[in-house]
């Protein structure tokens, strides 16, 4: 189902980013949002790929959509902070990081944020 495809997508992104070859994974990200446009996680995965490919403006659009669809996703909020920092938007980045920290409180993600 959707979870398995999203898990595979995340693995593809991580492998592509580690190999410093994000371009091939961009197809995966596009296909995920085409198939699951209502899932914030699909948009976050696409944003991660775009950011790794230095497609920062498109990454901002994708992560903004991810946060709109799932504002309680810690990783999306954290990524929104990272992308905003790339644009020099410190206040927006700070707000996203604070949201991520608040959402992560009491969860295993708390130490990672």
C-alpha atoms as a PDB file:
ATOM      1  CA  UNK A   1       0.000   0.000   0.000  1.00  0.00           C
ATOM      2  CA  UNK A   2       0.836   3.628   0.373  1.00  0.00           C
ATOM      3  CA  UNK A   3       3.055   3.132   3.442  1.00  0.00           C
ATOM      4  CA  UNK A   4       5.298   0.642   1.670  1.00  0.00           C
ATOM      5  CA  UNK A   5       5.709   2.925  -1.339  1.00  0.00           C
ATOM      6  CA  UNK A   6       6.477   5.905   0.875  1.00  0.00           C
ATOM      7  CA  UNK A   7       8.997   3.848   2.872  1.00  0.00           C
ATOM      8  CA  UNK A   8      10.682   2.811  -0.391  1.00  0.00           C
ATOM      9  CA  UNK A   9      10.665   6.423  -1.531  1.00  0.00           C
ATOM     10  CA  UNK A  10      12.396   7.556   1.637  1.00  0.00           C
ATOM     11  CA  UNK A  11      15.035   4.857   1.241  1.00  0.00           C
ATOM     12  CA  UNK A  12      15.638   5.937  -2.358  1.00  0.00           C
ATOM     13  CA  UNK A  13      16.041   9.544  -1.248  1.00  0.00           C
ATOM     14  CA  UNK A  14      18.509   8.680   1.504  1.00  0.00           C
ATOM     15  CA  UNK A  15      20.579   6.516  -0.848  1.00  0.00           C
ATOM     16  CA  UNK A  16      20.601   9.196  -3.553  1.00  0.00           C
ATOM     17  CA  UNK A  17      21.558  11.942  -1.103  1.00  0.00           C
ATOM     18  CA  UNK A  18      24.355   9.827   0.408  1.00  0.00           C
ATOM     19  CA  UNK A  19      25.674   9.043  -3.066  1.00  0.00           C
ATOM     20  CA  UNK A  20      25.409  12.769  -3.903  1.00  0.00           C
ATOM     21  CA  UNK A  21      23.292  11.858  -6.946  1.00  0.00           C
ATOM     22  CA  UNK A  22      19.812  13.179  -6.171  1.00  0.00           C
ATOM     23  CA  UNK A  23      18.706  13.727  -9.772  1.00  0.00           C
ATOM     24  CA  UNK A  24      17.606  10.091 -10.437  1.00  0.00           C
ATOM     25  CA  UNK A  25      15.537  10.119  -7.234  1.00  0.00           C
ATOM     26  CA  UNK A  26      13.623  13.190  -8.406  1.00  0.00           C
ATOM     27  CA  UNK A  27      11.439  10.903 -10.521  1.00  0.00           C
ATOM     28  CA  UNK A  28      10.525   8.946  -7.390  1.00  0.00           C
ATOM     29  CA  UNK A  29       9.511  12.125  -5.593  1.00  0.00           C
ATOM     30  CA  UNK A  30       7.398  13.321  -8.504  1.00  0.00           C
ATOM     31  CA  UNK A  31       5.676   9.957  -8.803  1.00  0.00           C
ATOM     32  CA  UNK A  32       4.889   9.851  -5.084  1.00  0.00           C
ATOM     33  CA  UNK A  33       3.090  13.201  -5.126  1.00  0.00           C
ATOM     34  CA  UNK A  34       1.274  12.260  -8.327  1.00  0.00           C
ATOM     35  CA  UNK A  35       0.046   9.041  -6.732  1.00  0.00           C
ATOM     36  CA  UNK A  36      -0.581  10.388  -3.208  1.00  0.00           C
ATOM     37  CA  UNK A  37      -1.166  14.149  -3.527  1.00  0.00           C
ATOM     38  CA  UNK A  38      -3.142  14.198  -0.268  1.00  0.00           C
ATOM     39  CA  UNK A  39      -0.258  12.818   1.853  1.00  0.00           C
ATOM     40  CA  UNK A  40       2.107  15.287   3.479  1.00  0.00           C
ATOM     41  CA  UNK A  41       4.783  12.603   3.710  1.00  0.00           C
ATOM     42  CA  UNK A  42       4.888  12.271  -0.097  1.00  0.00           C
ATOM     43  CA  UNK A  43       5.417  16.026  -0.431  1.00  0.00           C
ATOM     44  CA  UNK A  44       8.127  15.971   2.267  1.00  0.00           C
ATOM     45  CA  UNK A  45       9.986  13.204   0.440  1.00  0.00           C
ATOM     46  CA  UNK A  46       9.781  15.238  -2.769  1.00  0.00           C
ATOM     47  CA  UNK A  47      11.052  18.319  -0.929  1.00  0.00           C
ATOM     48  CA  UNK A  48      14.015  16.370   0.476  1.00  0.00           C
ATOM     49  CA  UNK A  49      14.999  15.234  -3.020  1.00  0.00           C
ATOM     50  CA  UNK A  50      14.591  18.714  -4.478  1.00  0.00           C
ATOM     51  CA  UNK A  51      16.669  20.263  -1.715  1.00  0.00           C
ATOM     52  CA  UNK A  52      19.441  17.722  -2.264  1.00  0.00           C
ATOM     53  CA  UNK A  53      19.339  18.551  -5.982  1.00  0.00           C
ATOM     54  CA  UNK A  54      19.677  22.246  -5.091  1.00  0.00           C
ATOM     55  CA  UNK A  55      16.202  22.968  -6.468  1.00  0.00           C
ATOM     56  CA  UNK A  56      15.543  25.164  -3.451  1.00  0.00           C
ATOM     57  CA  UNK A  57      12.533  27.118  -4.711  1.00  0.00           C
ATOM     58  CA  UNK A  58      10.719  23.927  -5.685  1.00  0.00           C
ATOM     59  CA  UNK A  59      11.747  22.349  -2.370  1.00  0.00           C
ATOM     60  CA  UNK A  60      10.128  25.262  -0.528  1.00  0.00           C
ATOM     61  CA  UNK A  61       6.886  24.766  -2.461  1.00  0.00           C
ATOM     62  CA  UNK A  62       6.878  21.019  -1.749  1.00  0.00           C
ATOM     63  CA  UNK A  63       7.682  21.289   1.960  1.00  0.00           C
ATOM     64  CA  UNK A  64       5.120  24.064   2.395  1.00  0.00           C
ATOM     65  CA  UNK A  65       2.517  21.722   0.898  1.00  0.00           C
ATOM     66  CA  UNK A  66       3.736  18.935   3.213  1.00  0.00           C
ATOM     67  CA  UNK A  67       3.245  21.144   6.279  1.00  0.00           C
ATOM     68  CA  UNK A  68      -0.181  22.297   5.056  1.00  0.00           C
ATOM     69  CA  UNK A  69      -1.296  18.680   4.677  1.00  0.00           C
ATOM     70  CA  UNK A  70       0.301  17.398   7.889  1.00  0.00           C
ATOM     71  CA  UNK A  71       1.264  20.232  10.256  1.00  0.00           C
ATOM     72  CA  UNK A  72       2.073  17.737  13.037  1.00  0.00           C
ATOM     73  CA  UNK A  73       4.875  16.017  11.091  1.00  0.00           C
ATOM     74  CA  UNK A  74       8.112  16.818  12.916  1.00  0.00           C
ATOM     75  CA  UNK A  75      10.335  16.089   9.931  1.00  0.00           C
ATOM     76  CA  UNK A  76       8.321  18.360   7.650  1.00  0.00           C
ATOM     77  CA  UNK A  77       8.519  21.238  10.126  1.00  0.00           C
ATOM     78  CA  UNK A  78      12.253  20.666  10.522  1.00  0.00           C
ATOM     79  CA  UNK A  79      12.747  20.576   6.751  1.00  0.00           C
ATOM     80  CA  UNK A  80      10.698  23.757   6.393  1.00  0.00           C
ATOM     81  CA  UNK A  81      13.143  25.383   8.797  1.00  0.00           C
ATOM     82  CA  UNK A  82      16.127  24.148   6.781  1.00  0.00           C
ATOM     83  CA  UNK A  83      14.710  25.412   3.486  1.00  0.00           C
ATOM     84  CA  UNK A  84      13.783  28.790   4.958  1.00  0.00           C
ATOM     85  CA  UNK A  85      17.344  29.142   6.247  1.00  0.00           C
ATOM     86  CA  UNK A  86      18.647  28.590   2.704  1.00  0.00           C
ATOM     87  CA  UNK A  87      16.607  31.635   1.695  1.00  0.00           C
ATOM     88  CA  UNK A  88      17.854  33.663   4.664  1.00  0.00           C
ATOM     89  CA  UNK A  89      14.375  33.661   6.225  1.00  0.00           C
ATOM     90  CA  UNK A  90      15.577  33.317   9.819  1.00  0.00           C
ATOM     91  CA  UNK A  91      12.287  34.152  11.518  1.00  0.00           C
ATOM     92  CA  UNK A  92      10.338  31.649   9.418  1.00  0.00           C
ATOM     93  CA  UNK A  93      13.059  29.052  10.002  1.00  0.00           C
ATOM     94  CA  UNK A  94      12.956  29.692  13.742  1.00  0.00           C
ATOM     95  CA  UNK A  95       9.166  29.297  13.827  1.00  0.00           C
ATOM     96  CA  UNK A  96       9.380  25.986  11.946  1.00  0.00           C
ATOM     97  CA  UNK A  97      12.164  24.683  14.209  1.00  0.00           C
ATOM     98  CA  UNK A  98      10.176  25.677  17.299  1.00  0.00           C
ATOM     99  CA  UNK A  99       7.120  23.857  15.925  1.00  0.00           C
ATOM    100  CA  UNK A 100       9.272  20.771  15.280  1.00  0.00           C
ATOM    101  CA  UNK A 101      10.670  20.870  18.822  1.00  0.00           C
ATOM    102  CA  UNK A 102       7.204  21.257  20.329  1.00  0.00           C
ATOM    103  CA  UNK A 103       5.808  18.377  18.276  1.00  0.00           C
ATOM    104  CA  UNK A 104       8.778  16.139  19.137  1.00  0.00           C
ATOM    105  CA  UNK A 105       8.461  16.618  22.918  1.00  0.00           C
ATOM    106  CA  UNK A 106       8.080  13.286  24.668  1.00  0.00           C
ATOM    107  CA  UNK A 107       8.722  11.261  21.506  1.00  0.00           C
ATOM    108  CA  UNK A 108      11.813   9.359  20.315  1.00  0.00           C
ATOM    109  CA  UNK A 109      12.386  12.188  17.779  1.00  0.00           C
ATOM    110  CA  UNK A 110      12.909  14.718  20.578  1.00  0.00           C
ATOM    111  CA  UNK A 111      16.665  14.019  20.852  1.00  0.00           C
ATOM    112  CA  UNK A 112      17.089  14.251  17.064  1.00  0.00           C
ATOM    113  CA  UNK A 113      15.506  17.668  16.520  1.00  0.00           C
END
